[in-house]
Amino acid sequence: MWPVMVLLRTYAPYVTLPVAAVIGFVGYNIEKYFRSPPPNRPSVEDQRNERLLKEMVEGDKATPPPLSEKTFVPKTIFEKNVSPSLAKDE
């Protein structure tokens, strides 16, 4: 019995790797056979293009203010990064 245990201990890496590879290969193919294909969803790029087209067709409902007003430019440096709770409504 001892020579068999020594033999298994010595050659364990050479035996377990091929056995694990065969089990993995068989399991992979069985799973591939029984798995249903994933549903076809449009890509993110297609969804974005559709959304942009829909926005263009609907028209300009919310037009931004003209650049000549410059409402986005702060009057002083202290108004640049103000939290909404501290912002003053003018």
C-alpha atoms as a PDB file:
ATOM      1  CA  MET A   1       0.000   0.000   0.000  1.00  0.00           C
ATOM      2  CA  TRP A   2       2.848   2.375   0.763  1.00  0.00           C
ATOM      3  CA  PRO A   3       4.365   2.251  -2.710  1.00  0.00           C
ATOM      4  CA  VAL A   4       0.970   3.152  -4.227  1.00  0.00           C
ATOM      5  CA  MET A   5       0.607   6.180  -1.908  1.00  0.00           C
ATOM      6  CA  VAL A   6       4.134   7.321  -2.702  1.00  0.00           C
ATOM      7  CA  LEU A   7       3.459   6.902  -6.403  1.00  0.00           C
ATOM      8  CA  LEU A   8       0.208   8.911  -6.207  1.00  0.00           C
ATOM      9  CA  ARG A   9       1.854  11.635  -4.149  1.00  0.00           C
ATOM     10  CA  THR A  10       4.767  11.887  -6.530  1.00  0.00           C
ATOM     11  CA  TYR A  11       2.776  12.008  -9.739  1.00  0.00           C
ATOM     12  CA  ALA A  12      -0.310  13.856  -8.435  1.00  0.00           C
ATOM     13  CA  PRO A  13       0.275  17.048 -10.490  1.00  0.00           C
ATOM     14  CA  TYR A  14       0.718  15.041 -13.668  1.00  0.00           C
ATOM     15  CA  VAL A  15      -2.524  13.140 -13.062  1.00  0.00           C
ATOM     16  CA  THR A  16      -4.793  15.901 -11.750  1.00  0.00           C
ATOM     17  CA  LEU A  17      -4.124  18.440 -14.508  1.00  0.00           C
ATOM     18  CA  PRO A  18      -5.315  16.245 -17.397  1.00  0.00           C
ATOM     19  CA  VAL A  19      -8.274  14.983 -15.341  1.00  0.00           C
ATOM     20  CA  ALA A  20      -9.300  18.550 -14.475  1.00  0.00           C
ATOM     21  CA  ALA A  21      -8.910  19.613 -18.114  1.00  0.00           C
ATOM     22  CA  VAL A  22     -11.135  16.753 -19.330  1.00  0.00           C
ATOM     23  CA  ILE A  23     -13.793  17.480 -16.690  1.00  0.00           C
ATOM     24  CA  GLY A  24     -13.719  21.194 -17.560  1.00  0.00           C
ATOM     25  CA  PHE A  25     -13.970  20.542 -21.290  1.00  0.00           C
ATOM     26  CA  VAL A  26     -16.915  18.165 -20.861  1.00  0.00           C
ATOM     27  CA  GLY A  27     -18.686  20.549 -18.466  1.00  0.00           C
ATOM     28  CA  TYR A  28     -18.176  23.499 -20.797  1.00  0.00           C
ATOM     29  CA  ASN A  29     -19.679  21.654 -23.756  1.00  0.00           C
ATOM     30  CA  ILE A  30     -22.632  20.365 -21.731  1.00  0.00           C
ATOM     31  CA  GLU A  31     -23.370  23.869 -20.489  1.00  0.00           C
ATOM     32  CA  LYS A  32     -23.058  25.293 -24.004  1.00  0.00           C
ATOM     33  CA  TYR A  33     -25.489  22.659 -25.295  1.00  0.00           C
ATOM     34  CA  PHE A  34     -28.192  23.336 -22.691  1.00  0.00           C
ATOM     35  CA  ARG A  35     -27.848  27.090 -22.373  1.00  0.00           C
ATOM     36  CA  SER A  36     -30.262  29.253 -24.344  1.00  0.00           C
ATOM     37  CA  PRO A  37     -28.768  32.097 -26.374  1.00  0.00           C
ATOM     38  CA  PRO A  38     -28.919  35.545 -24.760  1.00  0.00           C
ATOM     39  CA  PRO A  39     -31.650  37.893 -25.977  1.00  0.00           C
ATOM     40  CA  ASN A  40     -30.621  40.296 -28.702  1.00  0.00           C
ATOM     41  CA  ARG A  41     -30.613  43.780 -27.267  1.00  0.00           C
ATOM     42  CA  PRO A  42     -29.638  46.870 -29.219  1.00  0.00           C
ATOM     43  CA  SER A  43     -26.197  48.184 -28.460  1.00  0.00           C
ATOM     44  CA  VAL A  44     -25.637  51.272 -26.346  1.00  0.00           C
ATOM     45  CA  GLU A  45     -24.550  53.178 -29.430  1.00  0.00           C
ATOM     46  CA  ASP A  46     -27.795  52.288 -31.238  1.00  0.00           C
ATOM     47  CA  GLN A  47     -29.857  53.351 -28.219  1.00  0.00           C
ATOM     48  CA  ARG A  48     -27.983  56.656 -28.076  1.00  0.00           C
ATOM     49  CA  ASN A  49     -28.486  57.291 -31.792  1.00  0.00           C
ATOM     50  CA  GLU A  50     -32.210  56.571 -31.491  1.00  0.00           C
ATOM     51  CA  ARG A  51     -32.507  58.913 -28.517  1.00  0.00           C
ATOM     52  CA  LEU A  52     -30.664  61.702 -30.356  1.00  0.00           C
ATOM     53  CA  LEU A  53     -32.845  61.250 -33.428  1.00  0.00           C
ATOM     54  CA  LYS A  54     -35.970  61.367 -31.294  1.00  0.00           C
ATOM     55  CA  GLU A  55     -34.784  64.575 -29.647  1.00  0.00           C
ATOM     56  CA  MET A  56     -34.067  66.118 -33.051  1.00  0.00           C
ATOM     57  CA  VAL A  57     -37.501  65.170 -34.387  1.00  0.00           C
ATOM     58  CA  GLU A  58     -39.328  66.529 -31.341  1.00  0.00           C
ATOM     59  CA  GLY A  59     -37.642  69.879 -31.865  1.00  0.00           C
ATOM     60  CA  ASP A  60     -36.089  72.400 -29.546  1.00  0.00           C
ATOM     61  CA  LYS A  61     -38.547  72.461 -26.664  1.00  0.00           C
ATOM     62  CA  ALA A  62     -36.024  73.732 -24.147  1.00  0.00           C
ATOM     63  CA  THR A  63     -33.705  76.177 -25.881  1.00  0.00           C
ATOM     64  CA  PRO A  64     -30.713  77.247 -23.817  1.00  0.00           C
ATOM     65  CA  PRO A  65     -30.222  80.940 -23.105  1.00  0.00           C
ATOM     66  CA  PRO A  66     -28.106  82.807 -25.654  1.00  0.00           C
ATOM     67  CA  LEU A  67     -24.402  83.085 -25.012  1.00  0.00           C
ATOM     68  CA  SER A  68     -24.559  86.881 -25.026  1.00  0.00           C
ATOM     69  CA  GLU A  69     -26.298  86.836 -21.605  1.00  0.00           C
ATOM     70  CA  LYS A  70     -23.441  84.904 -19.956  1.00  0.00           C
ATOM     71  CA  THR A  71     -25.527  83.672 -17.041  1.00  0.00           C
ATOM     72  CA  PHE A  72     -23.082  80.849 -16.410  1.00  0.00           C
ATOM     73  CA  VAL A  73     -20.139  83.151 -15.640  1.00  0.00           C
ATOM     74  CA  PRO A  74     -19.806  84.013 -11.919  1.00  0.00           C
ATOM     75  CA  LYS A  75     -19.431  87.655 -10.941  1.00  0.00           C
ATOM     76  CA  THR A  76     -16.705  86.889  -8.398  1.00  0.00           C
ATOM     77  CA  ILE A  77     -14.391  83.969  -7.762  1.00  0.00           C
ATOM     78  CA  PHE A  78     -16.302  83.166  -4.558  1.00  0.00           C
ATOM     79  CA  GLU A  79     -19.429  82.271  -6.555  1.00  0.00           C
ATOM     80  CA  LYS A  80     -17.631  79.714  -8.672  1.00  0.00           C
ATOM     81  CA  ASN A  81     -18.117  76.513  -6.622  1.00  0.00           C
ATOM     82  CA  VAL A  82     -21.016  77.252  -4.321  1.00  0.00           C
ATOM     83  CA  SER A  83     -23.193  74.452  -3.022  1.00  0.00           C
ATOM     84  CA  PRO A  84     -26.896  74.702  -3.915  1.00  0.00           C
ATOM     85  CA  SER A  85     -27.841  75.359  -0.280  1.00  0.00           C
ATOM     86  CA  LEU A  86     -25.582  78.432  -0.171  1.00  0.00           C
ATOM     87  CA  ALA A  87     -26.451  79.816  -3.589  1.00  0.00           C
ATOM     88  CA  LYS A  88     -28.287  83.121  -3.625  1.00  0.00           C
ATOM     89  CA  ASP A  89     -31.336  83.509  -5.829  1.00  0.00           C
ATOM     90  CA  GLU A  90     -31.222  86.878  -7.586  1.00  0.00           C
END
